[in-house]
Amino acid sequence: MADKTARFTTTGMHCNSCAMLIQMSLEDVEGVAEVKADYAAGTTEVTYDPAMVTPDQIAEVIVKAGYGAELAC
């Protein structure tokens, strides 16, 4: 199955260090191929293998890192 990309509205990021923390947290998740967190835009874009991880699980990792996450339409 091909990788998919999901975009999350991410609240609570205040600087590049916040974005880096989210990226590092998600890069440790099995099935996540690429992460682009943008604190200025308040978004996190994640390319993932849907057979290994779901958008809900990805959002949960962002929340556990201390930020808000909601799947963007």
N, C-alpha and C. Protein backbone atom coordinates (compact mmCIF):
# COMPACT_ATOMS: atom_id res chain seq x y z
N MET A 1 0.84 -1.18 0.00
CA MET A 1 0.00 0.00 0.00
C MET A 1 0.89 1.25 0.00
N ALA A 2 0.48 2.24 -0.76
CA ALA A 2 1.27 3.47 -0.88
C ALA A 2 1.15 4.32 0.38
N ASP A 3 2.21 5.07 0.65
CA ASP A 3 2.18 5.99 1.78
C ASP A 3 1.14 7.08 1.56
N LYS A 4 0.60 7.59 2.64
CA LYS A 4 -0.36 8.69 2.60
C LYS A 4 0.23 9.87 3.35
N THR A 5 -0.33 11.04 3.11
CA THR A 5 0.10 12.24 3.82
C THR A 5 -1.10 12.84 4.53
N ALA A 6 -0.92 13.17 5.79
CA ALA A 6 -1.97 13.81 6.59
C ALA A 6 -1.43 15.13 7.11
N ARG A 7 -2.30 16.13 7.16
CA ARG A 7 -1.92 17.44 7.70
C ARG A 7 -2.72 17.66 8.98
N PHE A 8 -2.02 18.09 10.01
CA PHE A 8 -2.63 18.35 11.31
C PHE A 8 -2.50 19.82 11.66
N THR A 9 -3.58 20.40 12.15
CA THR A 9 -3.50 21.72 12.75
C THR A 9 -2.88 21.49 14.12
N THR A 10 -1.75 22.13 14.37
CA THR A 10 -0.98 21.88 15.59
C THR A 10 -0.90 23.16 16.41
N THR A 11 -1.46 23.13 17.61
CA THR A 11 -1.47 24.32 18.47
C THR A 11 -0.42 24.19 19.56
N GLY A 12 0.06 25.33 20.02
CA GLY A 12 1.02 25.34 21.12
C GLY A 12 2.46 25.46 20.71
N MET A 13 2.74 25.45 19.41
CA MET A 13 4.13 25.62 18.96
C MET A 13 4.47 27.11 18.99
N HIS A 14 5.62 27.45 19.58
CA HIS A 14 6.01 28.85 19.70
C HIS A 14 7.32 29.17 18.99
N CYS A 15 8.08 28.13 18.59
CA CYS A 15 9.38 28.37 17.98
C CYS A 15 9.83 27.13 17.21
N ASN A 16 10.99 27.24 16.58
CA ASN A 16 11.53 26.11 15.83
C ASN A 16 11.83 24.91 16.73
N SER A 17 12.16 25.16 17.99
CA SER A 17 12.43 24.04 18.90
C SER A 17 11.17 23.21 19.13
N CYS A 18 10.02 23.87 19.19
CA CYS A 18 8.76 23.15 19.33
C CYS A 18 8.53 22.24 18.12
N ALA A 19 8.74 22.80 16.92
CA ALA A 19 8.57 22.02 15.70
C ALA A 19 9.55 20.85 15.67
N MET A 20 10.78 21.09 16.10
CA MET A 20 11.78 20.03 16.11
C MET A 20 11.40 18.91 17.08
N LEU A 21 10.86 19.27 18.24
CA LEU A 21 10.42 18.26 19.21
C LEU A 21 9.32 17.38 18.62
N ILE A 22 8.37 17.99 17.94
CA ILE A 22 7.30 17.22 17.31
C ILE A 22 7.88 16.30 16.24
N GLN A 23 8.77 16.83 15.42
CA GLN A 23 9.38 16.01 14.36
C GLN A 23 10.14 14.83 14.95
N MET A 24 10.93 15.08 16.00
CA MET A 24 11.70 13.99 16.61
C MET A 24 10.77 12.95 17.24
N SER A 25 9.68 13.40 17.86
CA SER A 25 8.74 12.46 18.47
C SER A 25 8.09 11.57 17.42
N LEU A 26 7.71 12.16 16.29
CA LEU A 26 7.02 11.39 15.25
C LEU A 26 7.97 10.51 14.44
N GLU A 27 9.22 10.93 14.30
CA GLU A 27 10.17 10.13 13.54
C GLU A 27 10.46 8.80 14.22
N ASP A 28 10.19 8.71 15.53
CA ASP A 28 10.38 7.46 16.27
C ASP A 28 9.21 6.49 16.10
N VAL A 29 8.12 6.94 15.48
CA VAL A 29 6.93 6.10 15.32
C VAL A 29 7.09 5.20 14.10
N GLU A 30 6.92 3.91 14.31
CA GLU A 30 7.03 2.96 13.21
C GLU A 30 5.93 3.23 12.19
N GLY A 31 6.32 3.35 10.94
CA GLY A 31 5.36 3.62 9.87
C GLY A 31 5.37 5.07 9.40
N VAL A 32 6.01 5.96 10.17
CA VAL A 32 6.11 7.36 9.78
C VAL A 32 7.34 7.52 8.89
N ALA A 33 7.14 8.04 7.68
CA ALA A 33 8.22 8.17 6.71
C ALA A 33 8.84 9.56 6.73
N GLU A 34 8.01 10.59 6.88
CA GLU A 34 8.51 11.97 6.83
C GLU A 34 7.61 12.87 7.66
N VAL A 35 8.23 13.86 8.31
CA VAL A 35 7.50 14.83 9.14
C VAL A 35 7.98 16.23 8.82
N LYS A 36 7.03 17.14 8.64
CA LYS A 36 7.35 18.56 8.45
C LYS A 36 6.46 19.37 9.38
N ALA A 37 7.01 19.79 10.51
CA ALA A 37 6.27 20.63 11.44
C ALA A 37 6.65 22.08 11.17
N ASP A 38 5.66 22.96 11.06
CA ASP A 38 5.87 24.37 10.75
C ASP A 38 5.21 25.20 11.84
N TYR A 39 6.02 25.73 12.77
CA TYR A 39 5.43 26.46 13.90
C TYR A 39 4.75 27.74 13.45
N ALA A 40 5.28 28.42 12.43
CA ALA A 40 4.69 29.68 11.97
C ALA A 40 3.30 29.45 11.38
N ALA A 41 3.14 28.34 10.65
CA ALA A 41 1.85 28.02 10.04
C ALA A 41 0.94 27.26 11.01
N GLY A 42 1.53 26.71 12.06
CA GLY A 42 0.73 25.92 13.02
C GLY A 42 0.26 24.60 12.44
N THR A 43 1.11 23.99 11.59
CA THR A 43 0.73 22.72 10.98
C THR A 43 1.85 21.70 11.10
N THR A 44 1.45 20.45 11.03
CA THR A 44 2.39 19.35 10.95
C THR A 44 1.91 18.44 9.84
N GLU A 45 2.78 18.18 8.87
CA GLU A 45 2.46 17.31 7.75
C GLU A 45 3.25 16.02 7.91
N VAL A 46 2.53 14.89 7.85
CA VAL A 46 3.15 13.60 8.11
C VAL A 46 2.87 12.64 6.96
N THR A 47 3.93 12.07 6.40
CA THR A 47 3.79 11.02 5.41
C THR A 47 3.98 9.70 6.15
N TYR A 48 3.03 8.79 5.97
CA TYR A 48 3.02 7.56 6.77
C TYR A 48 2.49 6.38 5.98
N ASP A 49 2.76 5.19 6.50
CA ASP A 49 2.25 3.94 5.94
C ASP A 49 0.96 3.61 6.68
N PRO A 50 -0.19 3.70 5.99
CA PRO A 50 -1.47 3.46 6.68
C PRO A 50 -1.65 2.02 7.18
N ALA A 51 -0.82 1.11 6.72
CA ALA A 51 -0.88 -0.27 7.22
C ALA A 51 -0.21 -0.39 8.59
N MET A 52 0.59 0.64 8.97
CA MET A 52 1.34 0.56 10.21
C MET A 52 0.89 1.57 11.28
N VAL A 53 0.33 2.69 10.86
CA VAL A 53 -0.04 3.74 11.82
C VAL A 53 -1.23 4.53 11.26
N THR A 54 -2.08 5.02 12.16
CA THR A 54 -3.26 5.78 11.74
C THR A 54 -3.09 7.26 12.07
N PRO A 55 -3.86 8.13 11.42
CA PRO A 55 -3.82 9.54 11.79
C PRO A 55 -4.13 9.79 13.26
N ASP A 56 -5.04 9.02 13.84
CA ASP A 56 -5.35 9.17 15.27
C ASP A 56 -4.14 8.87 16.14
N GLN A 57 -3.38 7.85 15.77
CA GLN A 57 -2.18 7.51 16.53
C GLN A 57 -1.12 8.60 16.39
N ILE A 58 -1.02 9.17 15.20
CA ILE A 58 -0.07 10.26 14.97
C ILE A 58 -0.45 11.47 15.82
N ALA A 59 -1.73 11.82 15.83
CA ALA A 59 -2.20 12.95 16.63
C ALA A 59 -1.93 12.70 18.11
N GLU A 60 -2.09 11.47 18.55
CA GLU A 60 -1.84 11.12 19.96
C GLU A 60 -0.38 11.38 20.35
N VAL A 61 0.55 11.10 19.44
CA VAL A 61 1.97 11.34 19.71
C VAL A 61 2.21 12.84 19.85
N ILE A 62 1.58 13.64 18.99
CA ILE A 62 1.74 15.10 19.06
C ILE A 62 1.20 15.62 20.39
N VAL A 63 0.06 15.12 20.82
CA VAL A 63 -0.54 15.53 22.09
C VAL A 63 0.34 15.12 23.26
N LYS A 64 0.90 13.91 23.21
CA LYS A 64 1.78 13.45 24.29
C LYS A 64 3.04 14.30 24.38
N ALA A 65 3.44 14.91 23.25
CA ALA A 65 4.61 15.79 23.24
C ALA A 65 4.28 17.16 23.83
N GLY A 66 2.98 17.40 24.11
CA GLY A 66 2.59 18.64 24.76
C GLY A 66 1.91 19.67 23.87
N TYR A 67 1.45 19.24 22.70
CA TYR A 67 0.83 20.17 21.76
C TYR A 67 -0.56 19.68 21.38
N GLY A 68 -1.36 20.57 20.83
CA GLY A 68 -2.68 20.21 20.36
C GLY A 68 -2.56 19.72 18.92
N ALA A 69 -3.39 18.75 18.54
CA ALA A 69 -3.35 18.23 17.17
C ALA A 69 -4.75 17.85 16.72
N GLU A 70 -5.11 18.35 15.55
CA GLU A 70 -6.40 18.00 14.97
C GLU A 70 -6.19 17.80 13.48
N LEU A 71 -6.72 16.70 12.96
CA LEU A 71 -6.58 16.41 11.54
C LEU A 71 -7.25 17.52 10.73
N ALA A 72 -6.51 18.13 9.83
CA ALA A 72 -7.03 19.21 9.00
C ALA A 72 -7.77 18.60 7.80
N CYS A 73 -8.81 19.29 7.38
CA CYS A 73 -9.59 18.79 6.22
C CYS A 73 -8.87 19.03 4.93
